[in-house]
Amino acid sequence: MVSDFRAQAFQLKPASNSVDVTAAQRLVHHLRSIAQNDAPWITVLVLLNLIFFGDALFTDKTFFVRDVSFFHYPLKRLVTEAFTQWQWPLWNPYIQLGQPLLANPNTMALYPTQILFQLLPFQIAFDLHFVLHCLLAGIASFCLGRTLGLSRHSAFLSAGIYNFSGITLSFVNLFNILPVVAFLPVLALGLIKTLRSFSLFRAACASFLFGIFFLLLEPLSSIAVALFLIPFLGAIVFFSPPPKCSLAKAATLVLTIVVSGLLLASVQIFPALELMQHSGRKGGMGFDVVSFWSFHPVCLLQVIFPRLFGEYFRLATPTLGKSLF
């Protein structure tokens, strides 16, 4: 009888193991099915940003280095207070004898994130402006990678690199340049989708995106975006499988979208152009000034050997760097 009991026990063990194996297989299959959707990968990007920017989001710490604290913060405060009082932020009385406020594109008074400042406490909205644009850079890069045919793993890797790259994070101290970095993959994505499958709705959406982008009016980084988009879109059109859009037709469509975006942003562009006529930089600046922050090719060595030529986060020229350059 004991031997029969032992035999039954040994017979039951394989059945239990088979149940465990089946459950594990189901779990693996379920995880694979989840990974085959884009949403989980985007969710991971969101979580990574929440963790990375946790100090700014969940504590009393905030962004303050350089232009953030002594330039952008007070301007944004003035704009928000004016809108709160149901007034247009037209004038800044606190600089010299006063100067236009809305006409200054650095205030970003008409930029969509201004809505956050009107709905949320100022400090929370201020921090969210930076975090959301870094997140936008990551999500847009992921979607761009998927549109270009990358696997989800590859698209996620490229999104993580762009989201947390030194270029993106270094612009967190510049309120109006970080959105330009975030919009680079957004604009590329909108144009590619419009060129590959044209519709009036997609063209209108692309024009709207360019309209928001041109509200920033940041010249140098915008030129960098153009220098990337022009050859990039040309390569997309040239190497697209048939039936593909001709280069002439693609150029006409892109030009129409860009001009439409400029018209949408004209509410900011024209006042800014008028303000520029009274700028001290209207006549240009000397070469020594404009080349002060130029990047010498030899400095690429610092990618491998950081601080090889000295501390580069200070305005004072490092001793070794001064002797070489």
C-alpha atoms as a PDB file:
ATOM      1  CA  MET A   1       0.000   0.000   0.000  1.00  0.00           C
ATOM      2  CA  VAL A   2       2.912   2.275   0.843  1.00  0.00           C
ATOM      3  CA  SER A   3       4.525   1.445  -2.470  1.00  0.00           C
ATOM      4  CA  ASP A   4       1.304   2.290  -4.295  1.00  0.00           C
ATOM      5  CA  PHE A   5       1.184   5.656  -2.519  1.00  0.00           C
ATOM      6  CA  ARG A   6       4.783   6.404  -3.491  1.00  0.00           C
ATOM      7  CA  ALA A   7       4.048   5.475  -7.092  1.00  0.00           C
ATOM      8  CA  GLN A   8       1.094   7.859  -7.170  1.00  0.00           C
ATOM      9  CA  ALA A   9       3.228  10.613  -5.655  1.00  0.00           C
ATOM     10  CA  PHE A  10       5.927  10.161  -8.296  1.00  0.00           C
ATOM     11  CA  GLN A  11       3.263  10.202 -10.990  1.00  0.00           C
ATOM     12  CA  LEU A  12       1.854  13.481  -9.709  1.00  0.00           C
ATOM     13  CA  LYS A  13       5.186  15.339  -9.793  1.00  0.00           C
ATOM     14  CA  PRO A  14       5.500  15.512 -13.571  1.00  0.00           C
ATOM     15  CA  ALA A  15       1.961  16.819 -13.753  1.00  0.00           C
ATOM     16  CA  SER A  16       2.841  19.617 -11.307  1.00  0.00           C
ATOM     17  CA  ASN A  17       5.975  20.459 -13.285  1.00  0.00           C
ATOM     18  CA  SER A  18       3.999  20.558 -16.494  1.00  0.00           C
ATOM     19  CA  VAL A  19       1.582  23.005 -14.916  1.00  0.00           C
ATOM     20  CA  ASP A  20       4.508  25.240 -13.866  1.00  0.00           C
ATOM     21  CA  VAL A  21       6.043  25.068 -17.347  1.00  0.00           C
ATOM     22  CA  THR A  22       2.714  25.913 -18.950  1.00  0.00           C
ATOM     23  CA  ALA A  23       2.254  28.899 -16.630  1.00  0.00           C
ATOM     24  CA  ALA A  24       5.771  30.122 -17.407  1.00  0.00           C
ATOM     25  CA  GLN A  25       5.158  29.745 -21.117  1.00  0.00           C
ATOM     26  CA  ARG A  26       1.942  31.707 -20.813  1.00  0.00           C
ATOM     27  CA  LEU A  27       3.748  34.450 -18.888  1.00  0.00           C
ATOM     28  CA  VAL A  28       6.501  34.652 -21.509  1.00  0.00           C
ATOM     29  CA  HIS A  29       3.920  34.700 -24.294  1.00  0.00           C
ATOM     30  CA  HIS A  30       1.998  37.446 -22.492  1.00  0.00           C
ATOM     31  CA  LEU A  31       5.140  39.547 -22.042  1.00  0.00           C
ATOM     32  CA  ARG A  32       6.037  39.089 -25.692  1.00  0.00           C
ATOM     33  CA  SER A  33       2.572  40.165 -26.771  1.00  0.00           C
ATOM     34  CA  ILE A  34       2.917  43.283 -24.623  1.00  0.00           C
ATOM     35  CA  ALA A  35       6.355  44.043 -26.080  1.00  0.00           C
ATOM     36  CA  GLN A  36       4.871  43.821 -29.573  1.00  0.00           C
ATOM     37  CA  ASN A  37       2.909  47.021 -28.913  1.00  0.00           C
ATOM     38  CA  ASP A  38       4.389  50.508 -28.863  1.00  0.00           C
ATOM     39  CA  ALA A  39       2.511  51.682 -25.763  1.00  0.00           C
ATOM     40  CA  PRO A  40       4.584  49.748 -23.171  1.00  0.00           C
ATOM     41  CA  TRP A  41       7.830  51.125 -24.589  1.00  0.00           C
ATOM     42  CA  ILE A  42       6.486  54.672 -24.399  1.00  0.00           C
ATOM     43  CA  THR A  43       5.310  53.968 -20.850  1.00  0.00           C
ATOM     44  CA  VAL A  44       8.851  52.947 -19.912  1.00  0.00           C
ATOM     45  CA  LEU A  45      10.138  56.230 -21.371  1.00  0.00           C
ATOM     46  CA  VAL A  46       7.658  58.126 -19.217  1.00  0.00           C
ATOM     47  CA  LEU A  47       8.755  56.222 -16.109  1.00  0.00           C
ATOM     48  CA  LEU A  48      12.430  56.847 -16.865  1.00  0.00           C
ATOM     49  CA  ASN A  49      11.777  60.575 -17.127  1.00  0.00           C
ATOM     50  CA  LEU A  50       9.796  60.570 -13.887  1.00  0.00           C
ATOM     51  CA  ILE A  51      12.717  58.871 -12.151  1.00  0.00           C
ATOM     52  CA  PHE A  52      15.412  61.027 -13.747  1.00  0.00           C
ATOM     53  CA  PHE A  53      13.622  64.314 -13.018  1.00  0.00           C
ATOM     54  CA  GLY A  54      12.239  63.120  -9.695  1.00  0.00           C
ATOM     55  CA  ASP A  55      14.009  65.849  -7.715  1.00  0.00           C
ATOM     56  CA  ALA A  56      12.327  68.597  -9.706  1.00  0.00           C
ATOM     57  CA  LEU A  57       8.937  66.887  -9.828  1.00  0.00           C
ATOM     58  CA  PHE A  58       8.551  65.484  -6.322  1.00  0.00           C
ATOM     59  CA  THR A  59      10.720  67.693  -4.095  1.00  0.00           C
ATOM     60  CA  ASP A  60      11.225  71.410  -3.570  1.00  0.00           C
ATOM     61  CA  LYS A  61      14.278  71.427  -5.841  1.00  0.00           C
ATOM     62  CA  THR A  62      14.091  73.206  -9.186  1.00  0.00           C
ATOM     63  CA  PHE A  63      16.151  74.237 -12.201  1.00  0.00           C
ATOM     64  CA  PHE A  64      18.183  77.397 -11.659  1.00  0.00           C
ATOM     65  CA  VAL A  65      21.558  77.340 -13.467  1.00  0.00           C
ATOM     66  CA  ARG A  66      22.395  80.268 -15.755  1.00  0.00           C
ATOM     67  CA  ASP A  67      19.619  81.861 -17.830  1.00  0.00           C
ATOM     68  CA  VAL A  68      16.857  79.849 -16.176  1.00  0.00           C
ATOM     69  CA  SER A  69      16.892  81.767 -12.899  1.00  0.00           C
ATOM     70  CA  PHE A  70      18.033  85.294 -13.751  1.00  0.00           C
ATOM     71  CA  PHE A  71      16.478  85.721 -17.206  1.00  0.00           C
ATOM     72  CA  HIS A  72      13.644  83.351 -18.111  1.00  0.00           C
ATOM     73  CA  TYR A  73      12.095  82.953 -14.658  1.00  0.00           C
ATOM     74  CA  PRO A  74      11.245  86.639 -14.058  1.00  0.00           C
ATOM     75  CA  LEU A  75      10.029  87.122 -17.631  1.00  0.00           C
ATOM     76  CA  LYS A  76       7.717  84.131 -17.350  1.00  0.00           C
ATOM     77  CA  ARG A  77       6.459  85.396 -14.017  1.00  0.00           C
ATOM     78  CA  LEU A  78       5.517  88.748 -15.585  1.00  0.00           C
ATOM     79  CA  VAL A  79       3.718  87.066 -18.481  1.00  0.00           C
ATOM     80  CA  THR A  80       1.777  84.764 -16.176  1.00  0.00           C
ATOM     81  CA  GLU A  81       0.733  87.582 -13.852  1.00  0.00           C
ATOM     82  CA  ALA A  82      -0.518  89.633 -16.797  1.00  0.00           C
ATOM     83  CA  PHE A  83      -2.626  86.794 -18.189  1.00  0.00           C
ATOM     84  CA  THR A  84      -3.955  86.045 -14.702  1.00  0.00           C
ATOM     85  CA  GLN A  85      -5.244  89.625 -14.561  1.00  0.00           C
ATOM     86  CA  TRP A  86      -6.845  89.152 -17.999  1.00  0.00           C
ATOM     87  CA  GLN A  87      -4.366  91.526 -19.618  1.00  0.00           C
ATOM     88  CA  TRP A  88      -2.052  91.122 -22.567  1.00  0.00           C
ATOM     89  CA  PRO A  89       1.595  91.030 -21.408  1.00  0.00           C
ATOM     90  CA  LEU A  90       2.616  93.906 -23.643  1.00  0.00           C
ATOM     91  CA  TRP A  91       5.095  95.830 -21.509  1.00  0.00           C
ATOM     92  CA  ASN A  92       7.913  95.081 -19.083  1.00  0.00           C
ATOM     93  CA  PRO A  93       8.474  98.148 -16.865  1.00  0.00           C
ATOM     94  CA  TYR A  94      11.340  96.646 -14.846  1.00  0.00           C
ATOM     95  CA  ILE A  95      14.188  96.774 -17.394  1.00  0.00           C
ATOM     96  CA  GLN A  96      15.716 100.241 -17.874  1.00  0.00           C
ATOM     97  CA  LEU A  97      12.785 102.553 -18.712  1.00  0.00           C
ATOM     98  CA  GLY A  98      10.660  99.668 -19.906  1.00  0.00           C
ATOM     99  CA  GLN A  99      10.583  97.527 -23.017  1.00  0.00           C
ATOM    100  CA  PRO A 100       8.079  95.371 -24.954  1.00  0.00           C
ATOM    101  CA  LEU A 101       7.319  92.048 -23.291  1.00  0.00           C
ATOM    102  CA  LEU A 102       5.056  90.135 -25.673  1.00  0.00           C
ATOM    103  CA  ALA A 103       7.251  91.070 -28.637  1.00  0.00           C
ATOM    104  CA  ASN A 104      10.215  89.377 -26.987  1.00  0.00           C
ATOM    105  CA  PRO A 105      10.124  85.727 -28.142  1.00  0.00           C
ATOM    106  CA  ASN A 106      12.168  84.717 -25.085  1.00  0.00           C
ATOM    107  CA  THR A 107       9.053  85.161 -22.960  1.00  0.00           C
ATOM    108  CA  MET A 108       7.256  82.444 -24.959  1.00  0.00           C
ATOM    109  CA  ALA A 109       4.007  84.177 -24.040  1.00  0.00           C
ATOM    110  CA  LEU A 110       2.064  82.549 -26.895  1.00  0.00           C
ATOM    111  CA  TYR A 111       3.720  79.131 -26.658  1.00  0.00           C
ATOM    112  CA  PRO A 112       1.335  76.281 -25.687  1.00  0.00           C
ATOM    113  CA  THR A 113       3.018  75.532 -22.348  1.00  0.00           C
ATOM    114  CA  GLN A 114       1.790  78.922 -21.132  1.00  0.00           C
ATOM    115  CA  ILE A 115      -1.498  77.105 -20.491  1.00  0.00           C
ATOM    116  CA  LEU A 116       0.259  75.124 -17.744  1.00  0.00           C
ATOM    117  CA  PHE A 117       1.270  78.366 -16.033  1.00  0.00           C
ATOM    118  CA  GLN A 118      -2.342  79.542 -15.993  1.00  0.00           C
ATOM    119  CA  LEU A 119      -3.751  76.263 -14.656  1.00  0.00           C
ATOM    120  CA  LEU A 120      -1.053  75.089 -12.227  1.00  0.00           C
ATOM    121  CA  PRO A 121       1.067  76.712  -9.520  1.00  0.00           C
ATOM    122  CA  PHE A 122       3.856  78.644 -11.172  1.00  0.00           C
ATOM    123  CA  GLN A 123       6.748  76.553  -9.867  1.00  0.00           C
ATOM    124  CA  ILE A 124       5.138  73.263 -10.904  1.00  0.00           C
ATOM    125  CA  ALA A 125       4.424  74.591 -14.392  1.00  0.00           C
ATOM    126  CA  PHE A 126       7.966  75.937 -14.635  1.00  0.00           C
ATOM    127  CA  ASP A 127       9.481  72.535 -13.853  1.00  0.00           C
ATOM    128  CA  LEU A 128       7.025  70.700 -16.100  1.00  0.00           C
ATOM    129  CA  HIS A 129       8.067  72.854 -19.039  1.00  0.00           C
ATOM    130  CA  PHE A 130      11.519  71.258 -19.008  1.00  0.00           C
ATOM    131  CA  VAL A 131      10.447  67.720 -18.146  1.00  0.00           C
ATOM    132  CA  LEU A 132       7.694  67.571 -20.763  1.00  0.00           C
ATOM    133  CA  HIS A 133       9.995  68.748 -23.529  1.00  0.00           C
ATOM    134  CA  CYS A 134      12.626  66.147 -22.650  1.00  0.00           C
ATOM    135  CA  LEU A 135       9.860  63.541 -22.646  1.00  0.00           C
ATOM    136  CA  LEU A 136       8.559  64.870 -25.965  1.00  0.00           C
ATOM    137  CA  ALA A 137      12.041  64.468 -27.432  1.00  0.00           C
ATOM    138  CA  GLY A 138      12.118  60.828 -26.340  1.00  0.00           C
ATOM    139  CA  ILE A 139       8.607  59.860 -27.446  1.00  0.00           C
ATOM    140  CA  ALA A 140       8.940  61.638 -30.792  1.00  0.00           C
ATOM    141  CA  SER A 141      12.278  59.912 -31.398  1.00  0.00           C
ATOM    142  CA  PHE A 142      10.674  56.539 -30.670  1.00  0.00           C
ATOM    143  CA  CYS A 143       7.795  57.221 -33.068  1.00  0.00           C
ATOM    144  CA  LEU A 144      10.228  58.500 -35.696  1.00  0.00           C
ATOM    145  CA  GLY A 145      12.291  55.335 -35.392  1.00  0.00           C
ATOM    146  CA  ARG A 146       9.207  53.164 -35.781  1.00  0.00           C
ATOM    147  CA  THR A 147       8.127  55.188 -38.825  1.00  0.00           C
ATOM    148  CA  LEU A 148      11.555  54.642 -40.377  1.00  0.00           C
ATOM    149  CA  GLY A 149      11.174  50.895 -39.934  1.00  0.00           C
ATOM    150  CA  LEU A 150      13.239  50.312 -36.798  1.00  0.00           C
ATOM    151  CA  SER A 151      12.291  47.529 -34.435  1.00  0.00           C
ATOM    152  CA  ARG A 152      10.778  48.492 -31.107  1.00  0.00           C
ATOM    153  CA  HIS A 153      14.020  47.672 -29.324  1.00  0.00           C
ATOM    154  CA  SER A 154      16.062  49.848 -31.685  1.00  0.00           C
ATOM    155  CA  ALA A 155      13.538  52.683 -31.620  1.00  0.00           C
ATOM    156  CA  PHE A 156      13.484  52.584 -27.823  1.00  0.00           C
ATOM    157  CA  LEU A 157      17.282  52.679 -27.688  1.00  0.00           C
ATOM    158  CA  SER A 158      17.450  55.682 -30.023  1.00  0.00           C
ATOM    159  CA  ALA A 159      14.704  57.422 -28.042  1.00  0.00           C
ATOM    160  CA  GLY A 160      16.532  56.876 -24.764  1.00  0.00           C
ATOM    161  CA  ILE A 161      19.774  58.187 -26.217  1.00  0.00           C
ATOM    162  CA  TYR A 162      18.161  61.350 -27.589  1.00  0.00           C
ATOM    163  CA  ASN A 163      16.002  61.875 -24.492  1.00  0.00           C
ATOM    164  CA  PHE A 164      18.926  61.712 -22.072  1.00  0.00           C
ATOM    165  CA  SER A 165      21.790  62.793 -24.317  1.00  0.00           C
ATOM    166  CA  GLY A 166      24.166  65.529 -23.287  1.00  0.00           C
ATOM    167  CA  ILE A 167      22.787  67.802 -25.997  1.00  0.00           C
ATOM    168  CA  THR A 168      19.209  67.556 -24.755  1.00  0.00           C
ATOM    169  CA  LEU A 169      19.990  67.782 -21.053  1.00  0.00           C
ATOM    170  CA  SER A 170      22.490  70.615 -21.505  1.00  0.00           C
ATOM    171  CA  PHE A 171      19.680  72.802 -22.837  1.00  0.00           C
ATOM    172  CA  VAL A 172      17.594  72.353 -19.697  1.00  0.00           C
ATOM    173  CA  ASN A 173      19.121  75.646 -18.543  1.00  0.00           C
ATOM    174  CA  LEU A 174      17.774  77.431 -21.631  1.00  0.00           C
ATOM    175  CA  PHE A 175      14.015  77.823 -21.477  1.00  0.00           C
ATOM    176  CA  ASN A 176      13.483  78.577 -25.162  1.00  0.00           C
ATOM    177  CA  ILE A 177      16.118  76.333 -26.792  1.00  0.00           C
ATOM    178  CA  LEU A 178      15.115  73.025 -25.192  1.00  0.00           C
ATOM    179  CA  PRO A 179      11.782  73.061 -27.107  1.00  0.00           C
ATOM    180  CA  VAL A 180      13.736  73.425 -30.364  1.00  0.00           C
ATOM    181  CA  VAL A 181      15.650  70.245 -29.527  1.00  0.00           C
ATOM    182  CA  ALA A 182      12.401  68.470 -28.673  1.00  0.00           C
ATOM    183  CA  PHE A 183      10.736  69.588 -31.903  1.00  0.00           C
ATOM    184  CA  LEU A 184      13.453  68.208 -34.178  1.00  0.00           C
ATOM    185  CA  PRO A 185      12.062  64.621 -34.251  1.00  0.00           C
ATOM    186  CA  VAL A 186       8.500  65.968 -34.087  1.00  0.00           C
ATOM    187  CA  LEU A 187       8.910  67.998 -37.277  1.00  0.00           C
ATOM    188  CA  ALA A 188      10.734  65.161 -39.029  1.00  0.00           C
ATOM    189  CA  LEU A 189       7.948  62.747 -38.088  1.00  0.00           C
ATOM    190  CA  GLY A 190       5.196  65.082 -39.271  1.00  0.00           C
ATOM    191  CA  LEU A 191       6.865  65.747 -42.623  1.00  0.00           C
ATOM    192  CA  ILE A 192       7.648  62.082 -43.295  1.00  0.00           C
ATOM    193  CA  LYS A 193       4.076  60.997 -42.626  1.00  0.00           C
ATOM    194  CA  THR A 194       2.756  63.784 -44.851  1.00  0.00           C
ATOM    195  CA  LEU A 195       5.136  62.958 -47.704  1.00  0.00           C
ATOM    196  CA  ARG A 196       4.486  59.223 -47.567  1.00  0.00           C
ATOM    197  CA  SER A 197       0.719  59.460 -47.406  1.00  0.00           C
ATOM    198  CA  PHE A 198      -0.540  62.928 -48.246  1.00  0.00           C
ATOM    199  CA  SER A 199      -3.814  64.217 -46.904  1.00  0.00           C
ATOM    200  CA  LEU A 200      -5.044  67.693 -46.108  1.00  0.00           C
ATOM    201  CA  PHE A 201      -5.382  66.734 -42.463  1.00  0.00           C
ATOM    202  CA  ARG A 202      -1.767  65.595 -42.208  1.00  0.00           C
ATOM    203  CA  ALA A 203      -0.553  68.685 -44.043  1.00  0.00           C
ATOM    204  CA  ALA A 204      -2.583  70.884 -41.700  1.00  0.00           C
ATOM    205  CA  CYS A 205      -1.151  69.094 -38.653  1.00  0.00           C
ATOM    206  CA  ALA A 206       2.391  69.522 -39.990  1.00  0.00           C
ATOM    207  CA  SER A 207       1.736  73.232 -40.612  1.00  0.00           C
ATOM    208  CA  PHE A 208       0.398  73.580 -37.074  1.00  0.00           C
ATOM    209  CA  LEU A 209       3.537  71.953 -35.662  1.00  0.00           C
ATOM    210  CA  PHE A 210       5.736  74.323 -37.647  1.00  0.00           C
ATOM    211  CA  GLY A 211       3.614  77.216 -36.420  1.00  0.00           C
ATOM    212  CA  ILE A 212       4.333  76.260 -32.815  1.00  0.00           C
ATOM    213  CA  PHE A 213       7.993  75.770 -33.652  1.00  0.00           C
ATOM    214  CA  PHE A 214       8.334  79.221 -35.227  1.00  0.00           C
ATOM    215  CA  LEU A 215       6.856  80.827 -32.107  1.00  0.00           C
ATOM    216  CA  LEU A 216      10.197  80.073 -30.459  1.00  0.00           C
ATOM    217  CA  LEU A 217      12.174  82.230 -32.932  1.00  0.00           C
ATOM    218  CA  GLU A 218      15.503  80.857 -31.748  1.00  0.00           C
ATOM    219  CA  PRO A 219      17.752  81.488 -34.766  1.00  0.00           C
ATOM    220  CA  LEU A 220      20.885  79.357 -34.359  1.00  0.00           C
ATOM    221  CA  SER A 221      19.264  76.145 -33.167  1.00  0.00           C
ATOM    222  CA  SER A 222      16.506  76.574 -35.766  1.00  0.00           C
ATOM    223  CA  ILE A 223      19.176  76.774 -38.472  1.00  0.00           C
ATOM    224  CA  ALA A 224      20.645  73.555 -37.089  1.00  0.00           C
ATOM    225  CA  VAL A 225      17.208  71.920 -37.359  1.00  0.00           C
ATOM    226  CA  ALA A 226      16.906  73.070 -40.981  1.00  0.00           C
ATOM    227  CA  LEU A 227      20.389  71.774 -41.815  1.00  0.00           C
ATOM    228  CA  PHE A 228      19.294  68.379 -40.537  1.00  0.00           C
ATOM    229  CA  LEU A 229      15.802  68.240 -42.042  1.00  0.00           C
ATOM    230  CA  ILE A 230      16.706  69.275 -45.597  1.00  0.00           C
ATOM    231  CA  PRO A 231      19.158  66.443 -46.417  1.00  0.00           C
ATOM    232  CA  PHE A 232      17.234  64.013 -44.215  1.00  0.00           C
ATOM    233  CA  LEU A 233      13.953  64.534 -46.063  1.00  0.00           C
ATOM    234  CA  GLY A 234      15.776  64.484 -49.396  1.00  0.00           C
ATOM    235  CA  ALA A 235      17.206  61.076 -48.539  1.00  0.00           C
ATOM    236  CA  ILE A 236      13.791  59.842 -47.399  1.00  0.00           C
ATOM    237  CA  VAL A 237      12.191  60.858 -50.694  1.00  0.00           C
ATOM    238  CA  PHE A 238      15.068  59.595 -52.834  1.00  0.00           C
ATOM    239  CA  PHE A 239      15.303  56.164 -51.223  1.00  0.00           C
ATOM    240  CA  SER A 240      11.581  55.588 -50.742  1.00  0.00           C
ATOM    241  CA  PRO A 241      10.201  52.552 -52.589  1.00  0.00           C
ATOM    242  CA  PRO A 242       7.846  53.240 -55.515  1.00  0.00           C
ATOM    243  CA  PRO A 243       5.395  54.794 -55.858  1.00  0.00           C
ATOM    244  CA  LYS A 244       7.261  57.687 -54.343  1.00  0.00           C
ATOM    245  CA  CYS A 245       6.870  61.442 -54.371  1.00  0.00           C
ATOM    246  CA  SER A 246       9.138  63.340 -56.750  1.00  0.00           C
ATOM    247  CA  LEU A 247      11.718  65.688 -55.292  1.00  0.00           C
ATOM    248  CA  ALA A 248      10.019  68.695 -56.896  1.00  0.00           C
ATOM    249  CA  LYS A 249       6.614  67.762 -55.511  1.00  0.00           C
ATOM    250  CA  ALA A 250       8.086  67.006 -52.085  1.00  0.00           C
ATOM    251  CA  ALA A 251       9.947  70.324 -52.017  1.00  0.00           C
ATOM    252  CA  THR A 252       6.768  72.199 -52.975  1.00  0.00           C
ATOM    253  CA  LEU A 253       4.763  70.445 -50.274  1.00  0.00           C
ATOM    254  CA  VAL A 254       7.381  71.042 -47.581  1.00  0.00           C
ATOM    255  CA  LEU A 255       7.739  74.691 -48.609  1.00  0.00           C
ATOM    256  CA  THR A 256       3.958  75.135 -48.413  1.00  0.00           C
ATOM    257  CA  ILE A 257       3.896  73.599 -44.939  1.00  0.00           C
ATOM    258  CA  VAL A 258       6.769  75.789 -43.750  1.00  0.00           C
ATOM    259  CA  VAL A 259       5.206  78.977 -45.146  1.00  0.00           C
ATOM    260  CA  SER A 260       1.879  78.059 -43.546  1.00  0.00           C
ATOM    261  CA  GLY A 261       3.679  77.598 -40.243  1.00  0.00           C
ATOM    262  CA  LEU A 262       5.312  81.009 -40.609  1.00  0.00           C
ATOM    263  CA  LEU A 263       1.914  82.587 -41.217  1.00  0.00           C
ATOM    264  CA  LEU A 264       0.495  80.905 -38.125  1.00  0.00           C
ATOM    265  CA  ALA A 265       3.404  82.218 -36.054  1.00  0.00           C
ATOM    266  CA  SER A 266       3.255  85.712 -37.557  1.00  0.00           C
ATOM    267  CA  VAL A 267       1.491  86.940 -34.410  1.00  0.00           C
ATOM    268  CA  GLN A 268       4.872  86.529 -32.703  1.00  0.00           C
ATOM    269  CA  ILE A 269       7.186  87.060 -35.666  1.00  0.00           C
ATOM    270  CA  PHE A 270       6.103  90.576 -36.688  1.00  0.00           C
ATOM    271  CA  PRO A 271       6.313  92.130 -33.194  1.00  0.00           C
ATOM    272  CA  ALA A 272       9.703  90.450 -32.720  1.00  0.00           C
ATOM    273  CA  LEU A 273      10.983  91.865 -36.025  1.00  0.00           C
ATOM    274  CA  GLU A 274       9.901  95.342 -34.968  1.00  0.00           C
ATOM    275  CA  LEU A 275      11.595  94.925 -31.595  1.00  0.00           C
ATOM    276  CA  MET A 276      14.806  93.813 -33.291  1.00  0.00           C
ATOM    277  CA  GLN A 277      15.074  97.214 -34.966  1.00  0.00           C
ATOM    278  CA  HIS A 278      15.784  98.684 -31.526  1.00  0.00           C
ATOM    279  CA  SER A 279      18.213  95.996 -30.425  1.00  0.00           C
ATOM    280  CA  GLY A 280      21.822  96.820 -29.635  1.00  0.00           C
ATOM    281  CA  ARG A 281      22.816  93.817 -31.724  1.00  0.00           C
ATOM    282  CA  LYS A 282      21.096  95.091 -34.845  1.00  0.00           C
ATOM    283  CA  GLY A 283      24.372  96.239 -36.387  1.00  0.00           C
ATOM    284  CA  GLY A 284      26.044  92.906 -35.727  1.00  0.00           C
ATOM    285  CA  MET A 285      28.889  91.938 -33.428  1.00  0.00           C
ATOM    286  CA  GLY A 286      32.605  91.456 -33.818  1.00  0.00           C
ATOM    287  CA  PHE A 287      34.148  88.135 -34.709  1.00  0.00           C
ATOM    288  CA  ASP A 288      35.773  87.811 -31.290  1.00  0.00           C
ATOM    289  CA  VAL A 289      32.330  87.971 -29.676  1.00  0.00           C
ATOM    290  CA  VAL A 290      30.457  85.599 -31.961  1.00  0.00           C
ATOM    291  CA  SER A 291      33.311  83.088 -31.958  1.00  0.00           C
ATOM    292  CA  PHE A 292      33.828  83.121 -28.194  1.00  0.00           C
ATOM    293  CA  TRP A 293      31.800  79.931 -27.677  1.00  0.00           C
ATOM    294  CA  SER A 294      32.856  78.298 -30.933  1.00  0.00           C
ATOM    295  CA  PHE A 295      33.820  74.636 -30.837  1.00  0.00           C
ATOM    296  CA  HIS A 296      37.392  73.900 -31.849  1.00  0.00           C
ATOM    297  CA  PRO A 297      37.791  70.471 -33.521  1.00  0.00           C
ATOM    298  CA  VAL A 298      40.601  69.628 -31.103  1.00  0.00           C
ATOM    299  CA  CYS A 299      38.043  69.846 -28.299  1.00  0.00           C
ATOM    300  CA  LEU A 300      36.549  66.587 -29.587  1.00  0.00           C
ATOM    301  CA  LEU A 301      39.274  64.924 -27.526  1.00  0.00           C
ATOM    302  CA  GLN A 302      37.273  65.912 -24.455  1.00  0.00           C
ATOM    303  CA  VAL A 303      34.580  63.454 -25.522  1.00  0.00           C
ATOM    304  CA  ILE A 304      37.064  60.712 -24.612  1.00  0.00           C
ATOM    305  CA  PHE A 305      39.081  62.614 -21.984  1.00  0.00           C
ATOM    306  CA  PRO A 306      36.731  64.978 -20.093  1.00  0.00           C
ATOM    307  CA  ARG A 307      38.282  68.226 -18.858  1.00  0.00           C
ATOM    308  CA  LEU A 308      41.454  67.565 -20.794  1.00  0.00           C
ATOM    309  CA  PHE A 309      41.841  71.297 -21.403  1.00  0.00           C
ATOM    310  CA  GLY A 310      40.413  72.350 -18.058  1.00  0.00           C
ATOM    311  CA  GLU A 311      37.020  73.050 -16.515  1.00  0.00           C
ATOM    312  CA  TYR A 312      34.596  74.025 -19.274  1.00  0.00           C
ATOM    313  CA  PHE A 313      31.570  74.967 -17.149  1.00  0.00           C
ATOM    314  CA  ARG A 314      33.079  78.268 -16.078  1.00  0.00           C
ATOM    315  CA  LEU A 315      33.358  81.498 -18.003  1.00  0.00           C
ATOM    316  CA  ALA A 316      37.026  81.862 -17.079  1.00  0.00           C
ATOM    317  CA  THR A 317      39.288  80.404 -19.765  1.00  0.00           C
ATOM    318  CA  PRO A 318      41.203  77.338 -18.482  1.00  0.00           C
ATOM    319  CA  THR A 319      44.975  77.794 -18.324  1.00  0.00           C
ATOM    320  CA  LEU A 320      45.759  74.865 -20.617  1.00  0.00           C
ATOM    321  CA  GLY A 321      42.964  75.753 -23.003  1.00  0.00           C
ATOM    322  CA  LYS A 322      44.101  79.383 -23.174  1.00  0.00           C
ATOM    323  CA  SER A 323      47.644  78.362 -24.044  1.00  0.00           C
ATOM    324  CA  LEU A 324      46.442  76.123 -26.886  1.00  0.00           C
ATOM    325  CA  PHE A 325      43.626  78.179 -28.342  1.00  0.00           C
END
